[in-house]
Amino acid sequence: MRRLTGFLLVLMAATVHGQSLEQYLTLRKQYKITQAVGVPALETLVGSRIVEVQGKVKGVFKIQDKSALMLETTNGGTEIVDANGVPDWLQGNEVPARLIVRATRSHETAQLQCNLIAAAPEGKIKAIENLEAEKAAARRRLEGSKVSRGTPAKTNPSNPLYGPIGKTKTPRSWSLPAHEVTPIYAGFIKGRNSRLTDGEAYRIAEGIVGFSLKYGVDARLIMAMVLVESGFNPAARSHAGAMGLGQLMPGTAAGMGIGNPYDSMENLYGCVRIVRGHLDKYGKQTGDAFQSLILALAAYNSGSGTVRRYGGVPPYKETQRYVQKVMGWYKALSGA
């Protein structure tokens, strides 16, 4: 069975050279891919998965009858993606691309093995995604106009994460697939920061939903944090130098290998990983989910060292207000 699987993979990879955009999209559906992951997610992957990677190909080289792509990593290095065929448009330098790959890493310290299944120009896929996001936004505007005319709508336009208008605020089931949740989140994000394009709002929603699912964090919590941190502004910068959506400090971003903290995907990757780490740490210390959440938020704002020094939420007005604001929004987004 393993030989057969490998043989099919080689055949699939061999068709990349003459592959069309339509074939790429068909493969995307075949593998049930609803969103791309950034290179940071690929760098932390453990196990074996077929994923769509959004990144930059820095070059192509060939050894005998096999080729390989050099995919740029967050620290400026390269990750090698083996391929049996490379399309002509990738035969360059610094080429933005979407790659469907089979990625395998047996354990955290093992080397990543990547095989190319399909490739498409980033611009073409992004244009398709932007069009889909615009259609979703148009549907939301239509629902909003129905509300204004007195026609009952499916969701509360003031908070798209809530249930039907006039009924008890019951949060939507988190068991919804990511492709259904993402447009809802994108609409909320655009409502809080109207300067974003529909495509930008959708990309932020993709990052929040995708990384939250990957690291097992409630996406509504990350939504609340990013709203309080930056108001969903990827270019936000604080007086202390914190950057981007999740307001990462320069040292923190560098330590996590984040090359561009103002890139939505890279920033959200760092944000969610930090939250996951804090939740795990304080969960073990307290044995209480709610208390660990409060301490995790305090640590995110003021640092874990400060939380340790004061034995809990530090007596800083900024940190206390931050915890209150995030918890307020988290409860609201959860329908509490």
C-alpha atoms as a PDB file:
ATOM      1  CA  MET A   1       0.000   0.000   0.000  1.00  0.00           C
ATOM      2  CA  ARG A   2       2.864   2.413   0.804  1.00  0.00           C
ATOM      3  CA  ARG A   3       4.456   1.791  -2.592  1.00  0.00           C
ATOM      4  CA  LEU A   4       1.176   2.465  -4.362  1.00  0.00           C
ATOM      5  CA  THR A   5       0.644   5.739  -2.421  1.00  0.00           C
ATOM      6  CA  GLY A   6       4.146   6.887  -3.257  1.00  0.00           C
ATOM      7  CA  PHE A   7       3.671   5.953  -6.909  1.00  0.00           C
ATOM      8  CA  LEU A   8       0.451   7.977  -7.130  1.00  0.00           C
ATOM      9  CA  LEU A   9       2.178  10.937  -5.526  1.00  0.00           C
ATOM     10  CA  VAL A  10       5.002  10.810  -8.070  1.00  0.00           C
ATOM     11  CA  LEU A  11       2.521  10.650 -10.914  1.00  0.00           C
ATOM     12  CA  MET A  12       0.633  13.636  -9.470  1.00  0.00           C
ATOM     13  CA  ALA A  13       3.859  15.615  -9.066  1.00  0.00           C
ATOM     14  CA  ALA A  14       4.951  14.748 -12.574  1.00  0.00           C
ATOM     15  CA  THR A  15       1.919  16.548 -13.991  1.00  0.00           C
ATOM     16  CA  VAL A  16       2.830  19.846 -12.311  1.00  0.00           C
ATOM     17  CA  HIS A  17       4.863  21.056 -15.279  1.00  0.00           C
ATOM     18  CA  GLY A  18       1.857  21.175 -17.614  1.00  0.00           C
ATOM     19  CA  GLN A  19      -0.757  21.816 -14.960  1.00  0.00           C
ATOM     20  CA  SER A  20      -3.458  24.452 -15.552  1.00  0.00           C
ATOM     21  CA  LEU A  21      -5.049  26.801 -13.010  1.00  0.00           C
ATOM     22  CA  GLU A  22      -8.286  24.816 -13.311  1.00  0.00           C
ATOM     23  CA  GLN A  23      -6.420  21.616 -12.465  1.00  0.00           C
ATOM     24  CA  TYR A  24      -4.849  23.316  -9.452  1.00  0.00           C
ATOM     25  CA  LEU A  25      -8.258  24.405  -8.166  1.00  0.00           C
ATOM     26  CA  THR A  26      -9.599  20.884  -8.729  1.00  0.00           C
ATOM     27  CA  LEU A  27      -6.769  19.469  -6.615  1.00  0.00           C
ATOM     28  CA  ARG A  28      -7.522  22.071  -3.965  1.00  0.00           C
ATOM     29  CA  LYS A  29     -11.094  20.772  -3.735  1.00  0.00           C
ATOM     30  CA  GLN A  30      -9.941  17.158  -3.898  1.00  0.00           C
ATOM     31  CA  TYR A  31      -7.753  17.649  -0.828  1.00  0.00           C
ATOM     32  CA  LYS A  32     -10.463  19.746   0.883  1.00  0.00           C
ATOM     33  CA  ILE A  33      -8.179  22.762   1.158  1.00  0.00           C
ATOM     34  CA  THR A  34     -10.080  25.893   2.199  1.00  0.00           C
ATOM     35  CA  GLN A  35      -7.155  28.139   3.135  1.00  0.00           C
ATOM     36  CA  ALA A  36      -3.418  28.374   2.711  1.00  0.00           C
ATOM     37  CA  VAL A  37      -0.983  28.227   5.570  1.00  0.00           C
ATOM     38  CA  GLY A  38       2.041  30.459   5.826  1.00  0.00           C
ATOM     39  CA  VAL A  39       5.591  29.174   5.915  1.00  0.00           C
ATOM     40  CA  PRO A  40       5.646  29.530   9.750  1.00  0.00           C
ATOM     41  CA  ALA A  41       2.932  26.877  10.030  1.00  0.00           C
ATOM     42  CA  LEU A  42       4.925  24.589   7.750  1.00  0.00           C
ATOM     43  CA  GLU A  43       8.028  25.100   9.886  1.00  0.00           C
ATOM     44  CA  THR A  44       6.203  23.945  13.023  1.00  0.00           C
ATOM     45  CA  LEU A  45       4.318  21.035  11.446  1.00  0.00           C
ATOM     46  CA  VAL A  46       4.693  17.612  13.053  1.00  0.00           C
ATOM     47  CA  GLY A  47       3.169  14.565  11.386  1.00  0.00           C
ATOM     48  CA  SER A  48       2.124  14.188   7.764  1.00  0.00           C
ATOM     49  CA  ARG A  49      -0.316  16.452   5.970  1.00  0.00           C
ATOM     50  CA  ILE A  50      -1.218  17.726   2.538  1.00  0.00           C
ATOM     51  CA  VAL A  51      -1.382  21.519   2.788  1.00  0.00           C
ATOM     52  CA  GLU A  52      -1.436  24.584   0.598  1.00  0.00           C
ATOM     53  CA  VAL A  53       1.514  26.829   1.393  1.00  0.00           C
ATOM     54  CA  GLN A  54       1.555  30.546   0.656  1.00  0.00           C
ATOM     55  CA  GLY A  55       5.133  31.676   0.211  1.00  0.00           C
ATOM     56  CA  LYS A  56       7.952  32.864  -2.001  1.00  0.00           C
ATOM     57  CA  VAL A  57      10.045  30.551  -4.162  1.00  0.00           C
ATOM     58  CA  LYS A  58      13.596  31.881  -4.190  1.00  0.00           C
ATOM     59  CA  GLY A  59      14.855  29.558  -6.894  1.00  0.00           C
ATOM     60  CA  VAL A  60      14.818  26.137  -8.532  1.00  0.00           C
ATOM     61  CA  PHE A  61      17.644  23.664  -8.946  1.00  0.00           C
ATOM     62  CA  LYS A  62      17.912  20.280 -10.634  1.00  0.00           C
ATOM     63  CA  ILE A  63      19.814  17.136  -9.719  1.00  0.00           C
ATOM     64  CA  GLN A  64      19.809  14.495 -12.472  1.00  0.00           C
ATOM     65  CA  ASP A  65      16.148  14.007 -13.434  1.00  0.00           C
ATOM     66  CA  LYS A  66      14.632  15.563 -10.280  1.00  0.00           C
ATOM     67  CA  SER A  67      14.019  19.192  -9.375  1.00  0.00           C
ATOM     68  CA  ALA A  68      13.606  21.050  -6.109  1.00  0.00           C
ATOM     69  CA  LEU A  69      12.174  24.415  -5.080  1.00  0.00           C
ATOM     70  CA  MET A  70      13.783  26.660  -2.500  1.00  0.00           C
ATOM     71  CA  LEU A  71      10.946  28.089  -0.397  1.00  0.00           C
ATOM     72  CA  GLU A  72      11.867  31.136   1.683  1.00  0.00           C
ATOM     73  CA  THR A  73      11.563  30.635   5.456  1.00  0.00           C
ATOM     74  CA  THR A  74      10.831  33.239   8.123  1.00  0.00           C
ATOM     75  CA  ASN A  75      14.491  33.525   9.147  1.00  0.00           C
ATOM     76  CA  GLY A  76      15.628  34.254   5.598  1.00  0.00           C
ATOM     77  CA  GLY A  77      16.748  30.695   4.877  1.00  0.00           C
ATOM     78  CA  THR A  78      15.153  28.171   2.564  1.00  0.00           C
ATOM     79  CA  GLU A  79      13.064  25.022   2.861  1.00  0.00           C
ATOM     80  CA  ILE A  80      13.562  22.458   0.116  1.00  0.00           C
ATOM     81  CA  VAL A  81      10.485  21.129  -1.690  1.00  0.00           C
ATOM     82  CA  ASP A  82      11.192  18.116  -3.911  1.00  0.00           C
ATOM     83  CA  ALA A  83       9.461  18.063  -7.291  1.00  0.00           C
ATOM     84  CA  ASN A  84       9.286  15.871 -10.358  1.00  0.00           C
ATOM     85  CA  GLY A  85       8.188  18.738 -12.552  1.00  0.00           C
ATOM     86  CA  VAL A  86       8.412  22.526 -12.249  1.00  0.00           C
ATOM     87  CA  PRO A  87       6.293  24.922 -14.357  1.00  0.00           C
ATOM     88  CA  ASP A  88       8.098  27.544 -16.417  1.00  0.00           C
ATOM     89  CA  TRP A  89       6.668  30.483 -14.447  1.00  0.00           C
ATOM     90  CA  LEU A  90       8.449  29.221 -11.312  1.00  0.00           C
ATOM     91  CA  GLN A  91      11.818  29.202 -13.059  1.00  0.00           C
ATOM     92  CA  GLY A  92      12.863  32.520 -11.579  1.00  0.00           C
ATOM     93  CA  ASN A  93      13.868  34.276  -8.396  1.00  0.00           C
ATOM     94  CA  GLU A  94      11.598  35.584  -5.610  1.00  0.00           C
ATOM     95  CA  VAL A  95       8.391  34.190  -7.159  1.00  0.00           C
ATOM     96  CA  PRO A  96       5.221  34.477  -4.985  1.00  0.00           C
ATOM     97  CA  ALA A  97       3.381  31.178  -5.243  1.00  0.00           C
ATOM     98  CA  ARG A  98       0.819  28.808  -3.794  1.00  0.00           C
ATOM     99  CA  LEU A  99       2.122  25.271  -3.437  1.00  0.00           C
ATOM    100  CA  ILE A 100       0.119  22.170  -2.572  1.00  0.00           C
ATOM    101  CA  VAL A 101       2.630  19.905  -0.867  1.00  0.00           C
ATOM    102  CA  ARG A 102       2.776  16.721   1.121  1.00  0.00           C
ATOM    103  CA  ALA A 103       4.735  17.704   4.230  1.00  0.00           C
ATOM    104  CA  THR A 104       6.085  15.174   6.696  1.00  0.00           C
ATOM    105  CA  ARG A 105       8.030  15.524   9.924  1.00  0.00           C
ATOM    106  CA  SER A 106       8.220  12.520  12.254  1.00  0.00           C
ATOM    107  CA  HIS A 107       8.962  14.556  15.400  1.00  0.00           C
ATOM    108  CA  GLU A 108       9.725  18.144  16.409  1.00  0.00           C
ATOM    109  CA  THR A 109      13.504  17.945  15.857  1.00  0.00           C
ATOM    110  CA  ALA A 110      13.319  15.923  12.634  1.00  0.00           C
ATOM    111  CA  GLN A 111      13.961  17.441   9.219  1.00  0.00           C
ATOM    112  CA  LEU A 112      10.902  18.393   7.206  1.00  0.00           C
ATOM    113  CA  GLN A 113      10.289  16.422   4.020  1.00  0.00           C
ATOM    114  CA  CYS A 114       8.211  18.153   1.334  1.00  0.00           C
ATOM    115  CA  ASN A 115       6.973  16.883  -2.016  1.00  0.00           C
ATOM    116  CA  LEU A 116       5.310  19.185  -4.528  1.00  0.00           C
ATOM    117  CA  ILE A 117       1.881  18.126  -5.745  1.00  0.00           C
ATOM    118  CA  ALA A 118       0.736  21.308  -7.531  1.00  0.00           C
ATOM    119  CA  ALA A 119       1.650  24.977  -7.914  1.00  0.00           C
ATOM    120  CA  ALA A 120      -0.114  28.178  -8.951  1.00  0.00           C
ATOM    121  CA  PRO A 121       0.857  31.879  -9.125  1.00  0.00           C
ATOM    122  CA  GLU A 122      -0.033  33.706  -5.910  1.00  0.00           C
ATOM    123  CA  GLY A 123      -1.658  36.573  -7.817  1.00  0.00           C
ATOM    124  CA  LYS A 124      -4.138  34.327  -9.612  1.00  0.00           C
ATOM    125  CA  ILE A 125      -5.214  32.461  -6.483  1.00  0.00           C
ATOM    126  CA  LYS A 126      -5.447  35.667  -4.462  1.00  0.00           C
ATOM    127  CA  ALA A 127      -7.654  37.224  -7.151  1.00  0.00           C
ATOM    128  CA  ILE A 128     -10.010  34.245  -6.930  1.00  0.00           C
ATOM    129  CA  GLU A 129     -10.077  34.448  -3.125  1.00  0.00           C
ATOM    130  CA  ASN A 130     -10.732  38.200  -3.207  1.00  0.00           C
ATOM    131  CA  LEU A 131     -13.626  37.639  -5.595  1.00  0.00           C
ATOM    132  CA  GLU A 132     -15.085  34.980  -3.284  1.00  0.00           C
ATOM    133  CA  ALA A 133     -14.675  37.340  -0.319  1.00  0.00           C
ATOM    134  CA  GLU A 134     -16.434  40.133  -2.236  1.00  0.00           C
ATOM    135  CA  LYS A 135     -19.322  37.799  -3.058  1.00  0.00           C
ATOM    136  CA  ALA A 136     -19.585  36.835   0.605  1.00  0.00           C
ATOM    137  CA  ALA A 137     -19.566  40.515   1.578  1.00  0.00           C
ATOM    138  CA  ALA A 138     -22.312  41.218  -0.970  1.00  0.00           C
ATOM    139  CA  ARG A 139     -24.425  38.452   0.545  1.00  0.00           C
ATOM    140  CA  ARG A 140     -23.917  39.949   3.999  1.00  0.00           C
ATOM    141  CA  ARG A 141     -24.905  43.407   2.753  1.00  0.00           C
ATOM    142  CA  LEU A 142     -28.033  41.888   1.207  1.00  0.00           C
ATOM    143  CA  GLU A 143     -28.933  40.273   4.524  1.00  0.00           C
ATOM    144  CA  GLY A 144     -28.341  43.615   6.230  1.00  0.00           C
ATOM    145  CA  SER A 145     -30.677  45.372   3.802  1.00  0.00           C
ATOM    146  CA  LYS A 146     -33.354  42.788   4.575  1.00  0.00           C
ATOM    147  CA  VAL A 147     -33.038  43.637   8.244  1.00  0.00           C
ATOM    148  CA  SER A 148     -33.430  47.350   7.517  1.00  0.00           C
ATOM    149  CA  ARG A 149     -36.671  46.605   5.634  1.00  0.00           C
ATOM    150  CA  GLY A 150     -37.993  44.616   8.567  1.00  0.00           C
ATOM    151  CA  THR A 151     -37.377  41.183   7.073  1.00  0.00           C
ATOM    152  CA  PRO A 152     -35.988  38.712   9.604  1.00  0.00           C
ATOM    153  CA  ALA A 153     -32.393  37.810   8.896  1.00  0.00           C
ATOM    154  CA  LYS A 154     -30.461  34.726   9.876  1.00  0.00           C
ATOM    155  CA  THR A 155     -27.905  36.527  11.989  1.00  0.00           C
ATOM    156  CA  ASN A 156     -27.569  39.638  14.087  1.00  0.00           C
ATOM    157  CA  PRO A 157     -25.706  42.204  11.931  1.00  0.00           C
ATOM    158  CA  SER A 158     -24.302  43.945  15.007  1.00  0.00           C
ATOM    159  CA  ASN A 159     -22.589  40.721  15.991  1.00  0.00           C
ATOM    160  CA  PRO A 160     -22.454  38.049  13.274  1.00  0.00           C
ATOM    161  CA  LEU A 161     -21.284  35.459  15.797  1.00  0.00           C
ATOM    162  CA  TYR A 162     -24.631  35.565  17.598  1.00  0.00           C
ATOM    163  CA  GLY A 163     -27.752  33.625  16.784  1.00  0.00           C
ATOM    164  CA  PRO A 164     -31.087  34.920  15.341  1.00  0.00           C
ATOM    165  CA  ILE A 165     -32.390  38.376  16.228  1.00  0.00           C
ATOM    166  CA  GLY A 166     -34.976  38.455  18.979  1.00  0.00           C
ATOM    167  CA  LYS A 167     -33.908  35.134  20.445  1.00  0.00           C
ATOM    168  CA  THR A 168     -31.547  34.221  23.242  1.00  0.00           C
ATOM    169  CA  LYS A 169     -27.968  35.037  22.306  1.00  0.00           C
ATOM    170  CA  THR A 170     -26.721  31.550  21.593  1.00  0.00           C
ATOM    171  CA  PRO A 171     -23.278  31.340  20.034  1.00  0.00           C
ATOM    172  CA  ARG A 172     -22.997  29.534  16.733  1.00  0.00           C
ATOM    173  CA  SER A 173     -21.691  26.002  17.008  1.00  0.00           C
ATOM    174  CA  TRP A 174     -17.877  25.935  16.869  1.00  0.00           C
ATOM    175  CA  SER A 175     -18.213  22.624  15.054  1.00  0.00           C
ATOM    176  CA  LEU A 176     -18.849  24.564  11.839  1.00  0.00           C
ATOM    177  CA  PRO A 177     -16.178  23.851   9.206  1.00  0.00           C
ATOM    178  CA  ALA A 178     -13.520  26.526   8.766  1.00  0.00           C
ATOM    179  CA  HIS A 179     -14.781  27.573   5.330  1.00  0.00           C
ATOM    180  CA  GLU A 180     -18.166  28.490   6.850  1.00  0.00           C
ATOM    181  CA  VAL A 181     -16.766  30.244   9.913  1.00  0.00           C
ATOM    182  CA  THR A 182     -14.196  32.343   8.057  1.00  0.00           C
ATOM    183  CA  PRO A 183     -16.616  34.569   6.083  1.00  0.00           C
ATOM    184  CA  ILE A 184     -18.544  35.293   9.305  1.00  0.00           C
ATOM    185  CA  TYR A 185     -15.362  36.383  11.039  1.00  0.00           C
ATOM    186  CA  ALA A 186     -14.264  38.388   8.001  1.00  0.00           C
ATOM    187  CA  GLY A 187     -17.531  40.338   8.073  1.00  0.00           C
ATOM    188  CA  PHE A 188     -17.077  41.164  11.747  1.00  0.00           C
ATOM    189  CA  ILE A 189     -13.451  42.233  11.169  1.00  0.00           C
ATOM    190  CA  LYS A 190     -14.441  44.487   8.267  1.00  0.00           C
ATOM    191  CA  GLY A 191     -17.191  45.982  10.430  1.00  0.00           C
ATOM    192  CA  ARG A 192     -14.628  46.957  13.089  1.00  0.00           C
ATOM    193  CA  ASN A 193     -12.043  48.274  10.591  1.00  0.00           C
ATOM    194  CA  SER A 194     -13.745  49.555   7.460  1.00  0.00           C
ATOM    195  CA  ARG A 195     -10.407  50.649   5.979  1.00  0.00           C
ATOM    196  CA  LEU A 196      -9.563  47.029   5.243  1.00  0.00           C
ATOM    197  CA  THR A 197     -10.412  45.641   1.829  1.00  0.00           C
ATOM    198  CA  ASP A 198     -12.681  42.605   1.795  1.00  0.00           C
ATOM    199  CA  GLY A 199      -9.682  40.516   0.797  1.00  0.00           C
ATOM    200  CA  GLU A 200      -7.576  41.800   3.700  1.00  0.00           C
ATOM    201  CA  ALA A 201     -10.377  41.162   6.190  1.00  0.00           C
ATOM    202  CA  TYR A 202     -10.805  37.657   4.821  1.00  0.00           C
ATOM    203  CA  ARG A 203      -7.076  36.945   5.089  1.00  0.00           C
ATOM    204  CA  ILE A 204      -7.043  38.045   8.743  1.00  0.00           C
ATOM    205  CA  ALA A 205     -10.053  35.822   9.412  1.00  0.00           C
ATOM    206  CA  GLU A 206      -8.285  32.924   7.707  1.00  0.00           C
ATOM    207  CA  GLY A 207      -5.269  33.408   9.938  1.00  0.00           C
ATOM    208  CA  ILE A 208      -7.299  33.608  13.127  1.00  0.00           C
ATOM    209  CA  VAL A 209      -9.425  30.568  12.315  1.00  0.00           C
ATOM    210  CA  GLY A 210      -6.567  28.533  10.840  1.00  0.00           C
ATOM    211  CA  PHE A 211      -4.001  29.047  13.587  1.00  0.00           C
ATOM    212  CA  SER A 212      -6.644  28.733  16.312  1.00  0.00           C
ATOM    213  CA  LEU A 213      -7.657  25.344  14.959  1.00  0.00           C
ATOM    214  CA  LYS A 214      -4.021  24.289  14.591  1.00  0.00           C
ATOM    215  CA  TYR A 215      -3.084  25.170  18.175  1.00  0.00           C
ATOM    216  CA  GLY A 216      -6.391  24.352  19.850  1.00  0.00           C
ATOM    217  CA  VAL A 217      -7.316  27.878  20.954  1.00  0.00           C
ATOM    218  CA  ASP A 218     -10.849  29.303  20.793  1.00  0.00           C
ATOM    219  CA  ALA A 219     -10.833  31.617  17.772  1.00  0.00           C
ATOM    220  CA  ARG A 220     -13.310  33.921  19.509  1.00  0.00           C
ATOM    221  CA  LEU A 221     -10.647  34.585  22.149  1.00  0.00           C
ATOM    222  CA  ILE A 222      -8.098  35.499  19.478  1.00  0.00           C
ATOM    223  CA  MET A 223     -10.695  37.716  17.786  1.00  0.00           C
ATOM    224  CA  ALA A 224     -11.241  39.531  21.087  1.00  0.00           C
ATOM    225  CA  MET A 225      -7.511  39.914  21.699  1.00  0.00           C
ATOM    226  CA  VAL A 226      -6.707  41.242  18.231  1.00  0.00           C
ATOM    227  CA  LEU A 227      -9.641  43.652  18.422  1.00  0.00           C
ATOM    228  CA  VAL A 228      -8.334  45.096  21.696  1.00  0.00           C
ATOM    229  CA  GLU A 229      -4.671  44.958  20.663  1.00  0.00           C
ATOM    230  CA  SER A 230      -4.863  46.619  17.261  1.00  0.00           C
ATOM    231  CA  GLY A 231      -8.473  47.091  16.168  1.00  0.00           C
ATOM    232  CA  PHE A 232      -7.675  44.658  13.322  1.00  0.00           C
ATOM    233  CA  ASN A 233      -5.062  47.048  11.921  1.00  0.00           C
ATOM    234  CA  PRO A 234      -2.094  45.069  10.520  1.00  0.00           C
ATOM    235  CA  ALA A 235       0.034  48.249  10.467  1.00  0.00           C
ATOM    236  CA  ALA A 236      -0.580  49.178  14.121  1.00  0.00           C
ATOM    237  CA  ARG A 237       2.462  50.144  16.195  1.00  0.00           C
ATOM    238  CA  SER A 238       2.407  51.113  19.863  1.00  0.00           C
ATOM    239  CA  HIS A 239       4.531  53.739  21.583  1.00  0.00           C
ATOM    240  CA  ALA A 240       6.527  50.856  23.097  1.00  0.00           C
ATOM    241  CA  GLY A 241       7.250  49.407  19.651  1.00  0.00           C
ATOM    242  CA  ALA A 242       4.719  46.540  19.641  1.00  0.00           C
ATOM    243  CA  MET A 243       3.815  45.644  16.071  1.00  0.00           C
ATOM    244  CA  GLY A 244       0.932  44.407  13.956  1.00  0.00           C
ATOM    245  CA  LEU A 245      -2.358  42.685  14.655  1.00  0.00           C
ATOM    246  CA  GLY A 246      -1.301  40.964  17.864  1.00  0.00           C
ATOM    247  CA  GLN A 247       1.111  43.743  18.892  1.00  0.00           C
ATOM    248  CA  LEU A 248       4.229  41.579  19.043  1.00  0.00           C
ATOM    249  CA  MET A 249       7.334  43.117  20.578  1.00  0.00           C
ATOM    250  CA  PRO A 250      10.448  43.092  18.345  1.00  0.00           C
ATOM    251  CA  GLY A 251      12.348  40.679  20.587  1.00  0.00           C
ATOM    252  CA  THR A 252       9.415  38.286  20.801  1.00  0.00           C
ATOM    253  CA  ALA A 253       8.906  38.312  17.033  1.00  0.00           C
ATOM    254  CA  ALA A 254      12.602  37.743  16.353  1.00  0.00           C
ATOM    255  CA  GLY A 255      12.759  34.929  18.889  1.00  0.00           C
ATOM    256  CA  MET A 256       9.919  33.140  17.102  1.00  0.00           C
ATOM    257  CA  GLY A 257      11.560  33.518  13.706  1.00  0.00           C
ATOM    258  CA  ILE A 258       8.959  35.992  12.461  1.00  0.00           C
ATOM    259  CA  GLY A 259      10.527  37.960   9.627  1.00  0.00           C
ATOM    260  CA  ASN A 260       7.763  40.505   9.102  1.00  0.00           C
ATOM    261  CA  PRO A 261       5.524  41.219  12.127  1.00  0.00           C
ATOM    262  CA  TYR A 262       3.327  43.435   9.938  1.00  0.00           C
ATOM    263  CA  ASP A 263       2.375  40.481   7.767  1.00  0.00           C
ATOM    264  CA  SER A 264      -1.026  39.313   9.002  1.00  0.00           C
ATOM    265  CA  MET A 265      -0.298  35.593   8.788  1.00  0.00           C
ATOM    266  CA  GLU A 266       3.112  35.761  10.440  1.00  0.00           C
ATOM    267  CA  ASN A 267       1.824  38.003  13.232  1.00  0.00           C
ATOM    268  CA  LEU A 268      -1.207  35.830  13.962  1.00  0.00           C
ATOM    269  CA  TYR A 269       0.987  32.743  13.959  1.00  0.00           C
ATOM    270  CA  GLY A 270       3.076  34.324  16.704  1.00  0.00           C
ATOM    271  CA  CYS A 271       0.064  35.626  18.615  1.00  0.00           C
ATOM    272  CA  VAL A 272      -1.750  32.282  18.757  1.00  0.00           C
ATOM    273  CA  ARG A 273       1.398  30.338  19.643  1.00  0.00           C
ATOM    274  CA  ILE A 274       2.105  32.689  22.544  1.00  0.00           C
ATOM    275  CA  VAL A 275      -1.474  32.366  23.814  1.00  0.00           C
ATOM    276  CA  ARG A 276      -1.290  28.566  23.562  1.00  0.00           C
ATOM    277  CA  GLY A 277       1.930  28.552  25.567  1.00  0.00           C
ATOM    278  CA  HIS A 278       0.500  30.797  28.284  1.00  0.00           C
ATOM    279  CA  LEU A 279      -2.683  28.733  28.573  1.00  0.00           C
ATOM    280  CA  ASP A 280      -0.684  25.533  28.931  1.00  0.00           C
ATOM    281  CA  LYS A 281       1.657  27.063  31.492  1.00  0.00           C
ATOM    282  CA  TYR A 282      -0.982  28.588  33.747  1.00  0.00           C
ATOM    283  CA  GLY A 283      -3.332  25.660  33.280  1.00  0.00           C
ATOM    284  CA  LYS A 284      -0.696  23.399  34.852  1.00  0.00           C
ATOM    285  CA  GLN A 285      -0.026  25.906  37.616  1.00  0.00           C
ATOM    286  CA  THR A 286      -3.614  26.620  38.620  1.00  0.00           C
ATOM    287  CA  GLY A 287      -5.591  23.597  37.426  1.00  0.00           C
ATOM    288  CA  ASP A 288      -8.416  26.028  36.670  1.00  0.00           C
ATOM    289  CA  ALA A 289      -9.382  26.941  33.096  1.00  0.00           C
ATOM    290  CA  PHE A 290     -10.822  30.366  33.924  1.00  0.00           C
ATOM    291  CA  GLN A 291      -7.932  31.423  36.155  1.00  0.00           C
ATOM    292  CA  SER A 292      -5.401  30.234  33.599  1.00  0.00           C
ATOM    293  CA  LEU A 293      -7.161  32.313  30.939  1.00  0.00           C
ATOM    294  CA  ILE A 294      -6.989  35.450  33.098  1.00  0.00           C
ATOM    295  CA  LEU A 295      -3.296  34.897  33.831  1.00  0.00           C
ATOM    296  CA  ALA A 296      -2.591  34.137  30.165  1.00  0.00           C
ATOM    297  CA  LEU A 297      -4.105  37.477  29.135  1.00  0.00           C
ATOM    298  CA  ALA A 298      -2.174  39.305  31.845  1.00  0.00           C
ATOM    299  CA  ALA A 299       1.050  37.643  30.716  1.00  0.00           C
ATOM    300  CA  TYR A 300       0.371  38.482  27.078  1.00  0.00           C
ATOM    301  CA  ASN A 301       0.012  42.154  28.005  1.00  0.00           C
ATOM    302  CA  SER A 302       2.707  42.614  30.642  1.00  0.00           C
ATOM    303  CA  GLY A 303       4.919  39.536  30.386  1.00  0.00           C
ATOM    304  CA  SER A 304       5.001  36.258  32.269  1.00  0.00           C
ATOM    305  CA  GLY A 305       7.801  37.583  34.469  1.00  0.00           C
ATOM    306  CA  THR A 306       5.535  40.326  35.769  1.00  0.00           C
ATOM    307  CA  VAL A 307       2.752  37.841  36.503  1.00  0.00           C
ATOM    308  CA  ARG A 308       5.239  35.666  38.383  1.00  0.00           C
ATOM    309  CA  ARG A 309       6.599  38.631  40.350  1.00  0.00           C
ATOM    310  CA  TYR A 310       3.141  39.689  41.571  1.00  0.00           C
ATOM    311  CA  GLY A 311       1.730  36.199  41.904  1.00  0.00           C
ATOM    312  CA  GLY A 312      -1.184  37.001  39.600  1.00  0.00           C
ATOM    313  CA  VAL A 313      -2.544  39.882  37.534  1.00  0.00           C
ATOM    314  CA  PRO A 314      -0.132  42.775  38.207  1.00  0.00           C
ATOM    315  CA  PRO A 315      -1.481  46.003  39.752  1.00  0.00           C
ATOM    316  CA  TYR A 316      -1.051  47.932  36.510  1.00  0.00           C
ATOM    317  CA  LYS A 317      -4.116  49.823  35.293  1.00  0.00           C
ATOM    318  CA  GLU A 318      -3.182  49.140  31.677  1.00  0.00           C
ATOM    319  CA  THR A 319      -2.976  45.373  32.233  1.00  0.00           C
ATOM    320  CA  GLN A 320      -6.131  45.250  34.340  1.00  0.00           C
ATOM    321  CA  ARG A 321      -8.072  47.240  31.742  1.00  0.00           C
ATOM    322  CA  TYR A 322      -6.681  45.001  29.016  1.00  0.00           C
ATOM    323  CA  VAL A 323      -7.848  41.821  30.732  1.00  0.00           C
ATOM    324  CA  GLN A 324     -11.283  43.353  31.353  1.00  0.00           C
ATOM    325  CA  LYS A 325     -11.678  44.524  27.742  1.00  0.00           C
ATOM    326  CA  VAL A 326     -10.610  41.209  26.219  1.00  0.00           C
ATOM    327  CA  MET A 327     -12.825  39.212  28.557  1.00  0.00           C
ATOM    328  CA  GLY A 328     -15.726  41.551  27.808  1.00  0.00           C
ATOM    329  CA  TRP A 329     -15.370  41.040  24.074  1.00  0.00           C
ATOM    330  CA  TYR A 330     -14.732  37.307  24.455  1.00  0.00           C
ATOM    331  CA  LYS A 331     -17.970  36.910  26.401  1.00  0.00           C
ATOM    332  CA  ALA A 332     -19.848  39.037  23.861  1.00  0.00           C
ATOM    333  CA  LEU A 333     -18.502  37.045  20.899  1.00  0.00           C
ATOM    334  CA  SER A 334     -19.392  33.837  22.721  1.00  0.00           C
ATOM    335  CA  GLY A 335     -22.963  35.015  23.276  1.00  0.00           C
ATOM    336  CA  ALA A 336     -22.537  35.218  27.065  1.00  0.00           C
END
